[in-house]
């Protein structure tokens, strides 16, 4: 069955930690009820040892009445302790109390400035302490007396506050600089003009003319072809 505090959670709200007062708080708060209960037991024991008479009847009825009162009072104290629900969520700290008549109070995490924790020697040994939640103006907005898991409660509360501040108030990182467009490629170089005939030295031309004359004399080329090649060679000087 869902607890009363669970029905108060908003959409997207999750529970990080639950706690209540240390069990020793029921003993300290119920010290008067325990005294009545013990006195009732003493009267019942005395009643059993006395002989029948008015005194025994008075002790018997008084002991029975005190026993009922003590048991009822202790039961009420225990049920009140059991109904406590101290909840830390990702948005707030919530305190729910009451058996039939419920009372809930909460403190938003972003409004919490600090938390003062006090622990006695026995508190450190048994794991309880007194926690005061402070706002930005150093005023206590809520107090938790004899809180069980006091150190973990404070640590979880501050951790959730830090996460909330990161999620809600975090400044977004600047956009990445756009990649500069690539530089335009240079236009292709014009194709080189076809090179003219390679210049030749006079010695090379004389040797080439001798070879051409030999080809002409053997009939390999015609006189017209000889003249054309001759003019080409002479143009390379």
C-alpha atoms as a PDB file:
ATOM      1  CA  UNK A   1       0.000   0.000   0.000  1.00  0.00           C
ATOM      2  CA  UNK A   2       1.362   3.403  -0.976  1.00  0.00           C
ATOM      3  CA  UNK A   3       2.294   5.703   1.847  1.00  0.00           C
ATOM      4  CA  UNK A   4       0.591   9.040   2.367  1.00  0.00           C
ATOM      5  CA  UNK A   5       3.703  10.954   1.239  1.00  0.00           C
ATOM      6  CA  UNK A   6       3.833   9.002  -2.026  1.00  0.00           C
ATOM      7  CA  UNK A   7       0.427  10.376  -2.988  1.00  0.00           C
ATOM      8  CA  UNK A   8       1.781  13.914  -2.612  1.00  0.00           C
ATOM      9  CA  UNK A   9       4.564  13.473  -5.159  1.00  0.00           C
ATOM     10  CA  UNK A  10       4.346  15.481  -8.372  1.00  0.00           C
ATOM     11  CA  UNK A  11       4.958  14.153 -11.864  1.00  0.00           C
ATOM     12  CA  UNK A  12       8.618  13.320 -12.337  1.00  0.00           C
ATOM     13  CA  UNK A  13       9.336  13.528  -8.608  1.00  0.00           C
ATOM     14  CA  UNK A  14      11.251  10.597  -7.164  1.00  0.00           C
ATOM     15  CA  UNK A  15      12.109   9.609  -3.579  1.00  0.00           C
ATOM     16  CA  UNK A  16      15.822   9.653  -2.749  1.00  0.00           C
ATOM     17  CA  UNK A  17      15.641   8.768   0.975  1.00  0.00           C
ATOM     18  CA  UNK A  18      13.079   8.029   3.698  1.00  0.00           C
ATOM     19  CA  UNK A  19      13.662   8.356   7.427  1.00  0.00           C
ATOM     20  CA  UNK A  20      11.956   9.000  10.766  1.00  0.00           C
ATOM     21  CA  UNK A  21      12.963   9.684  14.339  1.00  0.00           C
ATOM     22  CA  UNK A  22      15.231   7.216  16.067  1.00  0.00           C
ATOM     23  CA  UNK A  23      13.378   4.564  18.060  1.00  0.00           C
ATOM     24  CA  UNK A  24      14.956   5.947  21.229  1.00  0.00           C
ATOM     25  CA  UNK A  25      12.729   9.006  20.769  1.00  0.00           C
ATOM     26  CA  UNK A  26       9.664   6.900  21.620  1.00  0.00           C
ATOM     27  CA  UNK A  27      11.242   5.983  24.955  1.00  0.00           C
ATOM     28  CA  UNK A  28      12.170   9.550  25.839  1.00  0.00           C
ATOM     29  CA  UNK A  29       8.818  10.955  24.731  1.00  0.00           C
ATOM     30  CA  UNK A  30       6.964   8.205  26.540  1.00  0.00           C
ATOM     31  CA  UNK A  31       8.894   8.408  29.810  1.00  0.00           C
ATOM     32  CA  UNK A  32       5.778   9.514  31.713  1.00  0.00           C
ATOM     33  CA  UNK A  33       3.724   6.758  30.099  1.00  0.00           C
ATOM     34  CA  UNK A  34       6.445   4.260  31.001  1.00  0.00           C
ATOM     35  CA  UNK A  35       6.415   5.535  34.602  1.00  0.00           C
ATOM     36  CA  UNK A  36       2.627   5.035  34.771  1.00  0.00           C
ATOM     37  CA  UNK A  37       2.976   1.568  33.268  1.00  0.00           C
ATOM     38  CA  UNK A  38       5.673   0.553  35.760  1.00  0.00           C
ATOM     39  CA  UNK A  39       3.658   1.995  38.673  1.00  0.00           C
ATOM     40  CA  UNK A  40       0.662  -0.012  37.503  1.00  0.00           C
ATOM     41  CA  UNK A  41       2.741  -3.186  37.501  1.00  0.00           C
ATOM     42  CA  UNK A  42       3.949  -2.445  41.040  1.00  0.00           C
ATOM     43  CA  UNK A  43       0.371  -1.939  42.256  1.00  0.00           C
ATOM     44  CA  UNK A  44      -0.708  -5.182  40.591  1.00  0.00           C
ATOM     45  CA  UNK A  45       2.126  -7.058  42.289  1.00  0.00           C
ATOM     46  CA  UNK A  46       1.257  -5.522  45.668  1.00  0.00           C
ATOM     47  CA  UNK A  47      -2.386  -6.387  45.128  1.00  0.00           C
ATOM     48  CA  UNK A  48      -1.460 -10.021  44.655  1.00  0.00           C
ATOM     49  CA  UNK A  49       0.481 -10.042  47.934  1.00  0.00           C
ATOM     50  CA  UNK A  50      -2.180  -8.391  50.092  1.00  0.00           C
ATOM     51  CA  UNK A  51      -4.980 -10.176  51.822  1.00  0.00           C
ATOM     52  CA  UNK A  52      -8.542  -9.677  50.757  1.00  0.00           C
ATOM     53  CA  UNK A  53      -9.815  -6.309  51.849  1.00  0.00           C
ATOM     54  CA  UNK A  54     -10.462  -2.693  50.922  1.00  0.00           C
ATOM     55  CA  UNK A  55      -6.777  -1.885  50.437  1.00  0.00           C
ATOM     56  CA  UNK A  56      -6.315  -4.775  48.064  1.00  0.00           C
ATOM     57  CA  UNK A  57      -9.379  -3.739  46.085  1.00  0.00           C
ATOM     58  CA  UNK A  58      -8.113  -0.152  45.844  1.00  0.00           C
ATOM     59  CA  UNK A  59      -4.655  -1.301  44.720  1.00  0.00           C
ATOM     60  CA  UNK A  60      -6.200  -3.700  42.263  1.00  0.00           C
ATOM     61  CA  UNK A  61      -8.511  -1.196  40.597  1.00  0.00           C
ATOM     62  CA  UNK A  62      -5.903   1.586  40.633  1.00  0.00           C
ATOM     63  CA  UNK A  63      -3.293  -0.717  39.149  1.00  0.00           C
ATOM     64  CA  UNK A  64      -5.682  -1.865  36.420  1.00  0.00           C
ATOM     65  CA  UNK A  65      -6.652   1.701  35.507  1.00  0.00           C
ATOM     66  CA  UNK A  66      -3.037   2.864  35.390  1.00  0.00           C
ATOM     67  CA  UNK A  67      -2.085  -0.186  33.338  1.00  0.00           C
ATOM     68  CA  UNK A  68      -4.729   0.579  30.719  1.00  0.00           C
ATOM     69  CA  UNK A  69      -3.739   4.254  30.635  1.00  0.00           C
ATOM     70  CA  UNK A  70      -0.037   3.410  30.308  1.00  0.00           C
ATOM     71  CA  UNK A  71      -0.572   0.863  27.550  1.00  0.00           C
ATOM     72  CA  UNK A  72      -2.892   3.174  25.597  1.00  0.00           C
ATOM     73  CA  UNK A  73      -0.440   6.062  25.906  1.00  0.00           C
ATOM     74  CA  UNK A  74       2.538   3.947  24.811  1.00  0.00           C
ATOM     75  CA  UNK A  75       0.549   2.585  21.867  1.00  0.00           C
ATOM     76  CA  UNK A  76      -0.316   6.106  20.760  1.00  0.00           C
ATOM     77  CA  UNK A  77       3.338   7.169  21.010  1.00  0.00           C
ATOM     78  CA  UNK A  78       4.515   4.172  19.005  1.00  0.00           C
ATOM     79  CA  UNK A  79       1.868   4.626  16.284  1.00  0.00           C
ATOM     80  CA  UNK A  80       2.766   8.315  15.990  1.00  0.00           C
ATOM     81  CA  UNK A  81       6.411   7.359  15.562  1.00  0.00           C
ATOM     82  CA  UNK A  82       5.547   4.697  12.998  1.00  0.00           C
ATOM     83  CA  UNK A  83       3.416   7.175  11.010  1.00  0.00           C
ATOM     84  CA  UNK A  84       6.329   9.585  10.613  1.00  0.00           C
ATOM     85  CA  UNK A  85       7.667   9.830   7.065  1.00  0.00           C
ATOM     86  CA  UNK A  86      10.581  12.186   6.437  1.00  0.00           C
ATOM     87  CA  UNK A  87      11.193  12.123   2.686  1.00  0.00           C
ATOM     88  CA  UNK A  88      13.883  13.625   0.478  1.00  0.00           C
ATOM     89  CA  UNK A  89      12.947  13.837  -3.192  1.00  0.00           C
ATOM     90  CA  UNK A  90      14.709  15.345  -6.172  1.00  0.00           C
ATOM     91  CA  UNK A  91      12.715  18.567  -5.572  1.00  0.00           C
ATOM     92  CA  UNK A  92      12.020  19.010  -1.859  1.00  0.00           C
ATOM     93  CA  UNK A  93      12.244  17.749   1.711  1.00  0.00           C
ATOM     94  CA  UNK A  94       8.887  16.571   3.050  1.00  0.00           C
ATOM     95  CA  UNK A  95       7.789  15.850   6.622  1.00  0.00           C
ATOM     96  CA  UNK A  96       4.573  13.861   7.154  1.00  0.00           C
ATOM     97  CA  UNK A  97       3.218  13.195  10.659  1.00  0.00           C
ATOM     98  CA  UNK A  98      -0.031  12.080  12.275  1.00  0.00           C
ATOM     99  CA  UNK A  99      -1.885   8.798  12.686  1.00  0.00           C
ATOM    100  CA  UNK A 100      -5.385   9.594  11.424  1.00  0.00           C
ATOM    101  CA  UNK A 101      -5.097  13.347  10.995  1.00  0.00           C
ATOM    102  CA  UNK A 102      -2.143  13.878   8.708  1.00  0.00           C
ATOM    103  CA  UNK A 103       0.073  16.960   8.614  1.00  0.00           C
ATOM    104  CA  UNK A 104       2.584  17.479   5.825  1.00  0.00           C
ATOM    105  CA  UNK A 105       5.147  20.245   5.402  1.00  0.00           C
ATOM    106  CA  UNK A 106       7.874  20.560   2.816  1.00  0.00           C
ATOM    107  CA  UNK A 107      10.829  22.764   1.925  1.00  0.00           C
ATOM    108  CA  UNK A 108      11.939  23.287  -1.674  1.00  0.00           C
ATOM    109  CA  UNK A 109      15.530  22.266  -2.251  1.00  0.00           C
ATOM    110  CA  UNK A 110      16.424  25.441  -4.158  1.00  0.00           C
ATOM    111  CA  UNK A 111      15.432  27.563  -1.133  1.00  0.00           C
ATOM    112  CA  UNK A 112      17.631  25.600   1.280  1.00  0.00           C
ATOM    113  CA  UNK A 113      20.925  27.329   1.997  1.00  0.00           C
ATOM    114  CA  UNK A 114      22.445  24.969   4.548  1.00  0.00           C
ATOM    115  CA  UNK A 115      21.647  22.404   7.210  1.00  0.00           C
ATOM    116  CA  UNK A 116      23.024  22.422  10.756  1.00  0.00           C
ATOM    117  CA  UNK A 117      23.489  18.977  12.279  1.00  0.00           C
ATOM    118  CA  UNK A 118      24.172  18.468  15.980  1.00  0.00           C
ATOM    119  CA  UNK A 119      25.047  15.053  17.414  1.00  0.00           C
ATOM    120  CA  UNK A 120      25.898  14.140  20.960  1.00  0.00           C
ATOM    121  CA  UNK A 121      28.290  11.336  21.806  1.00  0.00           C
ATOM    122  CA  UNK A 122      25.382   8.903  22.177  1.00  0.00           C
ATOM    123  CA  UNK A 123      23.853  10.287  19.001  1.00  0.00           C
ATOM    124  CA  UNK A 124      26.992   9.478  17.049  1.00  0.00           C
ATOM    125  CA  UNK A 125      27.115   6.012  18.586  1.00  0.00           C
ATOM    126  CA  UNK A 126      23.438   5.239  17.924  1.00  0.00           C
ATOM    127  CA  UNK A 127      23.136   7.108  14.613  1.00  0.00           C
ATOM    128  CA  UNK A 128      20.756   9.989  15.404  1.00  0.00           C
ATOM    129  CA  UNK A 129      21.025  13.771  15.599  1.00  0.00           C
ATOM    130  CA  UNK A 130      19.190  17.091  15.519  1.00  0.00           C
ATOM    131  CA  UNK A 131      18.990  18.692  12.067  1.00  0.00           C
ATOM    132  CA  UNK A 132      17.993  22.299  11.354  1.00  0.00           C
ATOM    133  CA  UNK A 133      17.305  23.237   7.723  1.00  0.00           C
ATOM    134  CA  UNK A 134      18.228  26.863   6.992  1.00  0.00           C
ATOM    135  CA  UNK A 135      17.061  29.228   4.264  1.00  0.00           C
ATOM    136  CA  UNK A 136      19.144  31.894   2.554  1.00  0.00           C
ATOM    137  CA  UNK A 137      18.514  34.374   5.394  1.00  0.00           C
ATOM    138  CA  UNK A 138      19.849  31.830   7.906  1.00  0.00           C
ATOM    139  CA  UNK A 139      16.411  31.191   9.395  1.00  0.00           C
ATOM    140  CA  UNK A 140      15.416  27.669  10.316  1.00  0.00           C
ATOM    141  CA  UNK A 141      12.453  26.515   8.237  1.00  0.00           C
ATOM    142  CA  UNK A 142      12.207  23.025   9.690  1.00  0.00           C
ATOM    143  CA  UNK A 143      13.629  21.038  12.566  1.00  0.00           C
ATOM    144  CA  UNK A 144      14.151  17.317  12.884  1.00  0.00           C
ATOM    145  CA  UNK A 145      14.775  16.121  16.432  1.00  0.00           C
ATOM    146  CA  UNK A 146      16.518  12.807  17.118  1.00  0.00           C
ATOM    147  CA  UNK A 147      16.517  12.089  13.391  1.00  0.00           C
ATOM    148  CA  UNK A 148      17.599   8.597  12.478  1.00  0.00           C
ATOM    149  CA  UNK A 149      20.341   8.339   9.799  1.00  0.00           C
ATOM    150  CA  UNK A 150      21.039  12.015  10.434  1.00  0.00           C
ATOM    151  CA  UNK A 151      24.348  12.185   8.558  1.00  0.00           C
ATOM    152  CA  UNK A 152      23.012  10.317   5.531  1.00  0.00           C
ATOM    153  CA  UNK A 153      19.853  12.460   5.575  1.00  0.00           C
ATOM    154  CA  UNK A 154      21.856  15.696   5.419  1.00  0.00           C
ATOM    155  CA  UNK A 155      24.259  14.356   2.801  1.00  0.00           C
ATOM    156  CA  UNK A 156      21.449  13.108   0.543  1.00  0.00           C
ATOM    157  CA  UNK A 157      19.560  16.388   0.872  1.00  0.00           C
ATOM    158  CA  UNK A 158      22.587  18.461  -0.182  1.00  0.00           C
ATOM    159  CA  UNK A 159      23.392  16.049  -3.022  1.00  0.00           C
ATOM    160  CA  UNK A 160      19.863  16.319  -4.416  1.00  0.00           C
ATOM    161  CA  UNK A 161      20.010  20.114  -4.079  1.00  0.00           C
ATOM    162  CA  UNK A 162      23.252  20.160  -6.072  1.00  0.00           C
ATOM    163  CA  UNK A 163      21.758  17.949  -8.794  1.00  0.00           C
ATOM    164  CA  UNK A 164      18.677  20.188  -9.002  1.00  0.00           C
ATOM    165  CA  UNK A 165      20.808  23.308  -9.395  1.00  0.00           C
ATOM    166  CA  UNK A 166      22.779  21.637 -12.173  1.00  0.00           C
ATOM    167  CA  UNK A 167      19.629  20.554 -14.010  1.00  0.00           C
ATOM    168  CA  UNK A 168      17.676  23.810 -13.644  1.00  0.00           C
ATOM    169  CA  UNK A 169      20.247  26.589 -13.449  1.00  0.00           C
ATOM    170  CA  UNK A 170      23.089  25.223 -15.530  1.00  0.00           C
ATOM    171  CA  UNK A 171      24.185  27.697 -18.238  1.00  0.00           C
ATOM    172  CA  UNK A 172      24.311  25.987 -21.604  1.00  0.00           C
ATOM    173  CA  UNK A 173      27.676  25.785 -23.299  1.00  0.00           C
ATOM    174  CA  UNK A 174      28.273  28.225 -26.179  1.00  0.00           C
ATOM    175  CA  UNK A 175      27.559  26.785 -29.619  1.00  0.00           C
ATOM    176  CA  UNK A 176      30.487  25.315 -31.417  1.00  0.00           C
ATOM    177  CA  UNK A 177      32.076  27.595 -34.018  1.00  0.00           C
ATOM    178  CA  UNK A 178      30.892  26.756 -37.465  1.00  0.00           C
ATOM    179  CA  UNK A 179      33.443  25.049 -39.642  1.00  0.00           C
ATOM    180  CA  UNK A 180      34.724  27.593 -42.187  1.00  0.00           C
ATOM    181  CA  UNK A 181      33.807  26.754 -45.763  1.00  0.00           C
ATOM    182  CA  UNK A 182      36.630  25.196 -47.720  1.00  0.00           C
ATOM    183  CA  UNK A 183      38.713  27.613 -49.764  1.00  0.00           C
ATOM    184  CA  UNK A 184      37.751  27.623 -53.433  1.00  0.00           C
ATOM    185  CA  UNK A 185      40.005  25.525 -55.541  1.00  0.00           C
ATOM    186  CA  UNK A 186      42.199  27.520 -57.927  1.00  0.00           C
ATOM    187  CA  UNK A 187      41.068  27.334 -61.526  1.00  0.00           C
ATOM    188  CA  UNK A 188      42.898  24.713 -63.494  1.00  0.00           C
ATOM    189  CA  UNK A 189      45.976  25.990 -65.242  1.00  0.00           C
ATOM    190  CA  UNK A 190      45.567  26.343 -68.980  1.00  0.00           C
ATOM    191  CA  UNK A 191      46.994  23.506 -70.941  1.00  0.00           C
ATOM    192  CA  UNK A 192      50.462  24.361 -72.141  1.00  0.00           C
ATOM    193  CA  UNK A 193      50.719  25.174 -75.795  1.00  0.00           C
ATOM    194  CA  UNK A 194      52.296  22.418 -77.810  1.00  0.00           C
ATOM    195  CA  UNK A 195      56.037  22.886 -77.839  1.00  0.00           C
ATOM    196  CA  UNK A 196      57.667  23.740 -81.158  1.00  0.00           C
ATOM    197  CA  UNK A 197      60.500  21.780 -82.678  1.00  0.00           C
ATOM    198  CA  UNK A 198      63.446  21.347 -80.343  1.00  0.00           C
ATOM    199  CA  UNK A 199      66.351  23.639 -81.277  1.00  0.00           C
ATOM    200  CA  UNK A 200      69.380  21.708 -82.611  1.00  0.00           C
ATOM    201  CA  UNK A 201      73.014  22.537 -82.810  1.00  0.00           C
ATOM    202  CA  UNK A 202      74.776  22.906 -86.153  1.00  0.00           C
ATOM    203  CA  UNK A 203      76.641  19.642 -85.625  1.00  0.00           C
ATOM    204  CA  UNK A 204      73.360  17.767 -85.038  1.00  0.00           C
ATOM    205  CA  UNK A 205      71.788  19.325 -88.146  1.00  0.00           C
ATOM    206  CA  UNK A 206      74.824  18.486 -90.324  1.00  0.00           C
ATOM    207  CA  UNK A 207      74.695  14.855 -89.191  1.00  0.00           C
ATOM    208  CA  UNK A 208      70.914  14.694 -89.758  1.00  0.00           C
ATOM    209  CA  UNK A 209      71.287  16.160 -93.274  1.00  0.00           C
ATOM    210  CA  UNK A 210      73.913  13.528 -94.075  1.00  0.00           C
ATOM    211  CA  UNK A 211      71.560  10.779 -92.992  1.00  0.00           C
ATOM    212  CA  UNK A 212      68.742  12.281 -95.079  1.00  0.00           C
ATOM    213  CA  UNK A 213      70.997  12.496 -98.150  1.00  0.00           C
ATOM    214  CA  UNK A 214      71.986   8.860 -97.691  1.00  0.00           C
ATOM    215  CA  UNK A 215      68.294   7.863 -97.474  1.00  0.00           C
ATOM    216  CA  UNK A 216      67.567   9.872-100.645  1.00  0.00           C
ATOM    217  CA  UNK A 217      70.466   8.317-102.528  1.00  0.00           C
ATOM    218  CA  UNK A 218      69.264   4.798-101.607  1.00  0.00           C
ATOM    219  CA  UNK A 219      65.752   5.661-102.720  1.00  0.00           C
ATOM    220  CA  UNK A 220      64.239   5.376 -99.227  1.00  0.00           C
ATOM    221  CA  UNK A 221      62.751   8.891 -99.496  1.00  0.00           C
ATOM    222  CA  UNK A 222      61.876  11.010-102.494  1.00  0.00           C
ATOM    223  CA  UNK A 223      63.736  14.198-103.384  1.00  0.00           C
ATOM    224  CA  UNK A 224      60.643  16.204-102.341  1.00  0.00           C
ATOM    225  CA  UNK A 225      60.589  14.587 -98.897  1.00  0.00           C
ATOM    226  CA  UNK A 226      64.309  15.237 -98.610  1.00  0.00           C
ATOM    227  CA  UNK A 227      63.784  18.928 -99.355  1.00  0.00           C
ATOM    228  CA  UNK A 228      60.933  19.175 -96.815  1.00  0.00           C
ATOM    229  CA  UNK A 229      62.975  17.541 -94.050  1.00  0.00           C
ATOM    230  CA  UNK A 230      65.960  19.641 -94.974  1.00  0.00           C
ATOM    231  CA  UNK A 231      63.972  22.872 -94.590  1.00  0.00           C
ATOM    232  CA  UNK A 232      62.603  21.614 -91.221  1.00  0.00           C
ATOM    233  CA  UNK A 233      66.091  20.903 -89.929  1.00  0.00           C
ATOM    234  CA  UNK A 234      67.411  24.219 -91.062  1.00  0.00           C
ATOM    235  CA  UNK A 235      64.541  25.936 -89.227  1.00  0.00           C
ATOM    236  CA  UNK A 236      65.836  24.551 -85.917  1.00  0.00           C
ATOM    237  CA  UNK A 237      69.081  26.472 -85.994  1.00  0.00           C
END
